[in-house]
N, C-alpha and C. Protein backbone atom coordinates (compact mmCIF):
# COMPACT_ATOMS: atom_id res chain seq x y z
N MET A 1 15.35 1.91 -5.45
CA MET A 1 15.32 3.20 -4.68
C MET A 1 13.94 3.87 -5.61
N ILE A 2 13.26 5.11 -4.30
CA ILE A 2 12.55 5.79 -5.19
C ILE A 2 12.43 6.92 -5.48
N GLY A 3 12.35 7.69 -6.89
CA GLY A 3 12.63 8.45 -7.84
C GLY A 3 11.77 9.71 -7.20
N SER A 4 11.63 10.76 -7.78
CA SER A 4 10.62 11.80 -7.78
C SER A 4 9.46 11.29 -8.38
N ASP A 5 10.11 10.77 -9.69
CA ASP A 5 9.02 10.59 -10.60
C ASP A 5 7.91 9.28 -10.06
N ASP A 6 8.07 8.52 -9.16
CA ASP A 6 7.68 7.54 -8.86
C ASP A 6 6.11 7.83 -8.49
N GLU A 7 5.36 7.06 -8.18
CA GLU A 7 3.89 7.09 -7.72
C GLU A 7 3.95 6.06 -6.47
N VAL A 8 3.79 6.32 -5.01
CA VAL A 8 4.11 5.31 -4.40
C VAL A 8 2.48 5.93 -3.45
N TRP A 9 2.27 4.33 -2.81
CA TRP A 9 0.79 4.43 -2.52
C TRP A 9 1.44 3.89 -0.98
N TYR A 10 0.39 4.37 0.12
CA TYR A 10 0.70 3.72 1.29
C TYR A 10 -0.44 3.53 1.66
N LEU A 11 -0.74 1.91 2.39
CA LEU A 11 -2.03 1.73 2.15
C LEU A 11 -2.23 1.20 3.84
N GLY A 12 -2.10 2.54 4.67
CA GLY A 12 -2.28 2.86 5.47
C GLY A 12 -1.85 2.61 6.87
N ASP A 13 -2.30 3.00 8.28
CA ASP A 13 -1.24 3.17 9.30
C ASP A 13 -0.20 3.99 9.27
N PHE A 14 -0.32 4.86 8.58
CA PHE A 14 0.88 5.66 8.14
C PHE A 14 2.23 5.93 9.22
N ALA A 15 1.72 6.15 10.52
CA ALA A 15 2.17 7.28 11.18
C ALA A 15 1.22 7.53 12.43
N ILE A 16 1.64 6.13 13.54
CA ILE A 16 0.60 6.23 14.72
C ILE A 16 1.11 6.65 15.55
N ARG A 17 -0.09 7.45 15.93
CA ARG A 17 0.03 8.46 17.08
C ARG A 17 1.49 9.71 17.11
N GLN A 18 1.58 10.49 15.75
CA GLN A 18 2.20 11.23 15.72
C GLN A 18 1.84 12.57 15.99
N GLN A 19 2.49 13.39 16.19
CA GLN A 19 1.88 14.86 16.06
C GLN A 19 1.60 15.49 14.38
N PRO A 20 1.24 16.48 14.50
CA PRO A 20 1.15 17.02 13.13
C PRO A 20 2.67 17.14 12.13
N ASP A 21 3.09 18.03 13.13
CA ASP A 21 4.87 18.27 12.93
C ASP A 21 5.52 16.99 12.11
N ARG A 22 5.36 16.11 13.35
CA ARG A 22 6.43 15.06 12.77
C ARG A 22 5.73 14.26 11.93
N VAL A 23 4.23 14.23 11.00
CA VAL A 23 3.98 13.32 10.16
C VAL A 23 4.20 14.29 8.94
N ALA A 24 4.06 15.76 8.79
CA ALA A 24 4.70 16.15 7.82
C ALA A 24 6.28 16.28 7.44
N SER A 25 7.15 16.14 8.39
CA SER A 25 8.41 16.33 7.98
C SER A 25 9.07 14.43 8.18
N LEU A 26 8.06 13.83 7.91
CA LEU A 26 7.63 12.08 7.71
C LEU A 26 7.48 12.23 5.98
N VAL A 27 6.47 13.00 5.40
CA VAL A 27 5.86 12.78 4.71
C VAL A 27 6.70 13.75 3.57
N LYS A 28 7.07 14.99 3.97
CA LYS A 28 7.96 15.72 3.26
C LYS A 28 9.45 15.06 2.66
N ALA A 29 10.00 14.45 3.77
CA ALA A 29 10.73 13.71 3.47
C ALA A 29 11.20 12.08 2.21
N LEU A 30 10.06 12.16 2.41
CA LEU A 30 10.11 10.87 1.24
C LEU A 30 9.95 11.29 0.24
N HIS A 31 10.07 10.23 -1.22
CA HIS A 31 10.32 10.45 -2.24
C HIS A 31 9.58 10.06 -3.36
N GLY A 32 8.61 10.92 -4.50
CA GLY A 32 7.95 10.36 -5.45
C GLY A 32 6.51 11.11 -4.57
N GLY A 33 5.73 10.79 -5.61
CA GLY A 33 4.06 11.25 -5.57
C GLY A 33 3.43 10.57 -4.58
N LYS A 34 3.29 10.92 -3.42
CA LYS A 34 2.73 10.25 -2.40
C LYS A 34 1.04 9.76 -1.87
N HIS A 35 0.60 8.87 -2.38
CA HIS A 35 -1.22 8.55 -1.80
C HIS A 35 -0.98 7.86 -0.84
N LEU A 36 -1.89 8.38 -0.10
CA LEU A 36 -2.73 7.34 1.41
C LEU A 36 -3.68 6.95 0.59
N ILE A 37 -3.80 5.70 1.28
CA ILE A 37 -4.94 5.07 1.47
C ILE A 37 -4.99 4.64 2.63
N THR A 38 -6.09 5.44 3.23
CA THR A 38 -6.40 5.21 4.80
C THR A 38 -6.72 3.82 5.46
N GLY A 39 -6.01 3.93 6.88
CA GLY A 39 -5.92 2.92 7.52
C GLY A 39 -6.56 3.22 9.14
N ASN A 40 -7.17 2.17 9.40
CA ASN A 40 -7.81 2.44 10.59
C ASN A 40 -7.26 3.34 11.76
N ASN A 41 -5.63 3.68 11.88
CA ASN A 41 -4.99 4.04 12.91
C ASN A 41 -4.56 5.96 11.86
N ASP A 42 -4.58 5.87 11.15
CA ASP A 42 -4.78 7.48 10.17
C ASP A 42 -5.29 7.91 11.02
N ASP A 43 -4.91 8.92 12.01
CA ASP A 43 -6.13 10.06 12.24
C ASP A 43 -5.73 11.47 12.30
N ALA A 44 -6.20 12.21 12.13
CA ALA A 44 -6.53 13.66 11.85
C ALA A 44 -4.90 13.91 11.80
N ALA A 45 -3.59 13.99 11.66
CA ALA A 45 -2.30 14.36 11.64
C ALA A 45 -1.88 13.75 10.62
N VAL A 46 -2.35 12.53 10.39
CA VAL A 46 -1.91 11.67 8.94
C VAL A 46 -3.09 12.50 7.43
N LYS A 47 -3.64 12.22 8.29
CA LYS A 47 -4.64 12.81 7.02
C LYS A 47 -5.30 14.11 6.29
N GLY A 48 -4.33 14.80 7.54
CA GLY A 48 -4.79 16.52 7.54
C GLY A 48 -3.18 17.01 7.15
N CYS A 49 -2.65 16.10 6.75
CA CYS A 49 -0.84 16.48 6.65
C CYS A 49 -1.18 16.82 4.89
N ASP A 50 -0.50 18.03 4.54
CA ASP A 50 -0.59 18.89 3.08
C ASP A 50 0.30 17.67 2.09
N GLY A 51 1.23 16.96 2.50
CA GLY A 51 2.01 16.80 1.09
C GLY A 51 1.18 15.24 0.49
N TRP A 52 0.16 15.11 0.52
CA TRP A 52 -0.60 13.67 -0.10
C TRP A 52 -0.81 14.14 -1.17
N GLU A 53 -0.66 13.73 -2.50
CA GLU A 53 -1.21 14.25 -3.72
C GLU A 53 -3.08 13.10 -3.24
N SER A 54 -3.25 12.67 -3.28
CA SER A 54 -4.48 11.86 -3.06
C SER A 54 -4.82 11.20 -1.14
N ILE A 55 -5.88 11.32 -0.81
CA ILE A 55 -6.16 10.59 0.42
C ILE A 55 -7.70 9.87 0.13
N GLN A 56 -7.51 8.72 0.13
CA GLN A 56 -8.71 7.51 -0.14
C GLN A 56 -8.85 6.24 1.12
N ALA A 57 -9.90 6.00 0.73
CA ALA A 57 -10.15 4.64 1.50
C ALA A 57 -9.59 3.85 1.03
N TYR A 58 -9.96 3.21 -0.90
CA TYR A 58 -9.80 2.66 -1.47
C TYR A 58 -9.75 2.93 -3.13
N ALA A 59 -9.05 2.58 -3.57
CA ALA A 59 -8.77 2.87 -4.90
C ALA A 59 -8.51 1.82 -6.08
N GLU A 60 -8.78 1.90 -7.30
CA GLU A 60 -8.13 1.00 -8.39
C GLU A 60 -7.67 1.94 -9.17
N VAL A 61 -6.24 1.31 -9.16
CA VAL A 61 -5.02 1.73 -10.66
C VAL A 61 -4.66 0.85 -11.54
N SER A 62 -4.44 0.95 -12.98
CA SER A 62 -3.60 -0.16 -13.44
C SER A 62 -2.13 0.83 -14.11
N VAL A 63 -1.07 -0.13 -13.73
CA VAL A 63 -0.22 -0.22 -13.89
C VAL A 63 0.56 -1.04 -14.62
N ASP A 64 0.80 -0.95 -16.36
CA ASP A 64 1.33 -1.52 -17.27
C ASP A 64 0.81 -2.66 -17.48
N GLY A 65 -0.88 -2.30 -17.53
CA GLY A 65 -1.92 -3.39 -18.20
C GLY A 65 -2.21 -4.18 -16.59
N MET A 66 -1.59 -4.04 -15.50
CA MET A 66 -2.13 -5.17 -14.58
C MET A 66 -2.89 -4.16 -13.60
N HIS A 67 -4.16 -4.81 -13.33
CA HIS A 67 -5.42 -3.97 -12.39
C HIS A 67 -4.98 -4.32 -10.92
N LEU A 68 -5.39 -3.38 -9.76
CA LEU A 68 -4.42 -3.23 -8.74
C LEU A 68 -5.81 -2.83 -8.24
N VAL A 69 -6.75 -3.58 -6.87
CA VAL A 69 -7.41 -3.15 -6.03
C VAL A 69 -6.53 -2.57 -4.51
N LEU A 70 -6.48 -1.34 -4.48
CA LEU A 70 -5.55 -0.82 -3.41
C LEU A 70 -6.80 -0.70 -2.21
N CYS A 71 -6.71 -1.07 -0.84
CA CYS A 71 -7.29 -1.50 0.22
C CYS A 71 -6.40 -1.39 1.78
N HIS A 72 -6.69 -0.89 2.81
CA HIS A 72 -6.05 -0.60 3.72
C HIS A 72 -6.09 -2.38 4.13
N TYR A 73 -7.35 -2.68 4.08
CA TYR A 73 -7.96 -3.83 4.65
C TYR A 73 -8.50 -4.95 3.67
N PRO A 74 -7.85 -6.06 3.90
CA PRO A 74 -7.99 -6.90 2.79
C PRO A 74 -9.26 -7.64 2.62
N PHE A 75 -9.57 -7.80 1.48
CA PHE A 75 -10.64 -8.19 0.97
C PHE A 75 -10.92 -10.42 0.35
N ARG A 76 -11.87 -10.39 0.91
CA ARG A 76 -12.00 -11.97 0.66
C ARG A 76 -12.50 -11.78 -0.88
N THR A 77 -13.39 -11.05 -1.30
CA THR A 77 -13.76 -11.22 -2.83
C THR A 77 -12.97 -9.89 -3.15
N TRP A 78 -12.79 -9.40 -4.33
CA TRP A 78 -13.10 -8.11 -4.95
C TRP A 78 -12.95 -7.73 -6.33
N ARG A 79 -13.29 -6.79 -6.83
CA ARG A 79 -13.73 -6.40 -7.82
C ARG A 79 -13.11 -6.97 -9.40
N ASN A 80 -13.37 -7.85 -9.90
CA ASN A 80 -12.69 -8.75 -11.21
C ASN A 80 -11.46 -9.31 -10.24
N MET A 81 -11.93 -10.02 -9.19
CA MET A 81 -11.06 -10.97 -8.82
C MET A 81 -10.80 -12.19 -10.39
N SER A 82 -11.88 -12.59 -10.61
CA SER A 82 -11.88 -13.54 -11.41
C SER A 82 -11.50 -13.66 -12.53
N LYS A 83 -10.83 -11.78 -13.26
CA LYS A 83 -10.49 -11.74 -14.13
C LYS A 83 -9.00 -11.14 -14.15
N GLY A 84 -8.57 -11.70 -12.97
CA GLY A 84 -7.27 -11.45 -12.59
C GLY A 84 -6.20 -10.26 -11.98
N TRP A 85 -7.63 -9.72 -11.20
CA TRP A 85 -7.36 -8.24 -10.84
C TRP A 85 -6.39 -8.56 -9.53
N VAL A 86 -5.62 -7.67 -8.73
CA VAL A 86 -4.61 -8.04 -7.80
C VAL A 86 -5.41 -7.18 -6.59
N ASN A 87 -5.59 -7.95 -5.39
CA ASN A 87 -5.65 -6.98 -4.25
C ASN A 87 -4.56 -6.78 -3.41
N LEU A 88 -3.69 -5.60 -2.95
CA LEU A 88 -2.89 -5.52 -2.23
C LEU A 88 -3.11 -4.76 -1.35
N HIS A 89 -3.10 -4.98 0.16
CA HIS A 89 -3.60 -4.03 1.33
C HIS A 89 -2.41 -4.36 2.67
N GLY A 90 -2.85 -3.92 3.68
CA GLY A 90 -2.17 -4.19 4.75
C GLY A 90 -2.65 -4.91 5.77
N HIS A 91 -2.69 -4.31 7.16
CA HIS A 91 -3.58 -4.25 8.41
C HIS A 91 -3.53 -5.64 9.06
N SER A 92 -3.07 -6.68 8.44
CA SER A 92 -3.33 -7.93 8.65
C SER A 92 -1.92 -8.25 9.06
N HIS A 93 -0.68 -7.52 9.01
CA HIS A 93 1.05 -7.53 9.64
C HIS A 93 0.89 -8.88 8.89
N GLY A 94 1.06 -9.95 8.24
CA GLY A 94 1.38 -10.78 7.79
C GLY A 94 1.07 -12.29 8.15
N ARG A 95 -0.59 -12.09 9.30
CA ARG A 95 -1.07 -12.87 10.17
C ARG A 95 -2.26 -13.60 8.89
N LEU A 96 -2.37 -13.22 8.29
CA LEU A 96 -3.86 -13.73 7.22
C LEU A 96 -3.07 -14.45 5.78
N LYS A 97 -3.35 -15.94 6.20
CA LYS A 97 -3.62 -16.11 4.68
C LYS A 97 -3.79 -15.92 3.06
N PRO A 98 -3.61 -15.24 2.69
CA PRO A 98 -4.00 -14.68 1.30
C PRO A 98 -4.61 -15.55 0.08
N LEU A 99 -5.14 -14.91 -0.14
CA LEU A 99 -5.80 -15.65 -1.25
C LEU A 99 -4.99 -15.46 -2.79
N PRO A 100 -5.48 -16.28 -3.56
CA PRO A 100 -4.44 -16.19 -5.34
C PRO A 100 -4.25 -14.49 -5.67
N ARG A 101 -3.07 -14.24 -6.27
CA ARG A 101 -3.75 -12.54 -6.36
C ARG A 101 -3.82 -11.58 -5.48
N GLN A 102 -3.36 -11.99 -4.32
CA GLN A 102 -3.45 -10.79 -3.00
C GLN A 102 -2.66 -11.18 -2.38
N PHE A 103 -1.95 -9.85 -2.19
CA PHE A 103 -0.34 -9.66 -1.41
C PHE A 103 -0.45 -8.54 -0.21
N ASP A 104 -0.16 -8.78 0.78
CA ASP A 104 -0.17 -8.09 2.14
C ASP A 104 1.19 -7.51 1.86
N VAL A 105 0.91 -5.48 1.56
CA VAL A 105 2.36 -4.82 1.39
C VAL A 105 2.74 -3.92 2.58
N GLY A 106 2.30 -4.58 3.50
CA GLY A 106 2.71 -4.06 5.27
C GLY A 106 3.90 -4.48 5.08
N VAL A 107 4.52 -3.23 5.75
CA VAL A 107 6.21 -3.26 6.30
C VAL A 107 6.94 -4.34 7.06
N GLU A 108 5.95 -4.77 7.88
CA GLU A 108 6.49 -6.32 8.59
C GLU A 108 6.56 -7.58 7.71
N VAL A 109 5.76 -7.68 6.15
CA VAL A 109 5.67 -8.66 5.48
C VAL A 109 7.61 -8.64 4.67
N TRP A 110 7.57 -7.30 4.42
CA TRP A 110 8.83 -7.01 3.69
C TRP A 110 10.14 -6.30 4.43
N ASN A 111 9.89 -6.89 4.86
CA ASN A 111 11.62 -6.51 5.82
C ASN A 111 11.44 -5.40 6.55
N PHE A 112 10.11 -4.13 6.54
CA PHE A 112 10.45 -2.97 7.49
C PHE A 112 11.12 -1.95 5.93
N ARG A 113 10.57 -2.22 4.99
CA ARG A 113 11.48 -1.25 3.63
C ARG A 113 10.37 -1.38 2.45
N PRO A 114 10.44 -0.38 1.93
CA PRO A 114 9.67 0.06 0.84
C PRO A 114 9.35 -1.25 0.01
N VAL A 115 8.45 -1.57 -1.18
CA VAL A 115 8.70 -2.52 -2.16
C VAL A 115 7.85 -2.42 -3.47
N GLN A 116 8.91 -2.69 -4.07
CA GLN A 116 8.13 -2.17 -5.44
C GLN A 116 7.22 -3.11 -6.27
N LEU A 117 6.23 -2.55 -6.77
CA LEU A 117 5.04 -3.47 -7.60
C LEU A 117 5.63 -4.26 -8.44
N ALA A 118 6.84 -4.22 -8.70
CA ALA A 118 7.54 -5.75 -9.59
C ALA A 118 7.83 -6.49 -8.74
N GLU A 119 8.15 -6.10 -7.64
CA GLU A 119 8.62 -7.52 -6.67
C GLU A 119 7.51 -7.96 -6.42
N VAL A 120 6.78 -6.92 -5.52
CA VAL A 120 5.43 -8.15 -5.60
C VAL A 120 4.75 -8.74 -6.12
N LEU A 121 4.53 -8.47 -7.56
CA LEU A 121 3.71 -9.03 -8.34
C LEU A 121 4.67 -9.81 -9.36
N GLY A 122 5.64 -10.29 -8.88
CA GLY A 122 6.69 -11.19 -9.45
C GLY A 122 6.29 -12.54 -8.33
N GLY A 123 5.84 -12.37 -7.31
CA GLY A 123 5.45 -13.48 -6.47
C GLY A 123 3.92 -13.83 -7.71
N ILE A 124 2.99 -13.81 -8.18
CA ILE A 124 2.04 -14.16 -9.23
C ILE A 124 2.61 -15.26 -9.89
N LYS A 125 3.83 -15.13 -10.79
CA LYS A 125 4.24 -16.25 -11.20
C LYS A 125 4.92 -16.86 -10.29
N ALA A 126 5.92 -16.80 -9.39
CA ALA A 126 6.37 -18.05 -8.59
C ALA A 126 5.46 -18.90 -7.18
N GLY A 127 4.15 -18.02 -7.39
CA GLY A 127 3.71 -18.59 -6.28
C GLY A 127 3.70 -17.89 -4.55
N LEU A 128 4.57 -16.94 -4.53
CA LEU A 128 5.12 -16.12 -3.37
C LEU A 128 3.83 -15.87 -3.26
N ARG A 129 4.26 -15.22 -1.33
CA ARG A 129 3.30 -14.25 -1.12
C ARG A 129 3.75 -13.29 0.14
N GLY A 130 5.36 -13.07 -0.02
CA GLY A 130 5.57 -12.21 0.69
C GLY A 130 7.41 -12.13 -0.46
N PRO A 131 8.21 -11.90 0.68
CA PRO A 131 9.98 -11.49 0.20
C PRO A 131 10.30 -13.31 0.40
N THR A 132 11.42 -13.17 -0.10
CA THR A 132 12.48 -14.30 -0.76
C THR A 132 13.54 -14.45 0.82
């Protein structure tokens, strides 16, 4: 469950073809600090919503010593991939063969539910690419 102190990253295509008031109500209903990594279907209604703590096309974050490269689009190479950095992405709807340490976090891959980072990264040790 997402708490008010959690940081939540949405990796694009948040609310496709929705009116600004609908987007605002969706963002307001969600818990945690909300960050948007923009996708190809995020229009002005999504990007113009006041509920985002940050909006960008790309981010690099570190969580518990794990370095993450966040983008809506999957990369074939990314910064420090040979040093263990992980690429989290959306866009491909589970149809792209991932590389090691690359995970599609789109809702289609995770049974249309939010996924916690520990669950995604658990697949690194098990060699998994999605939910079991």
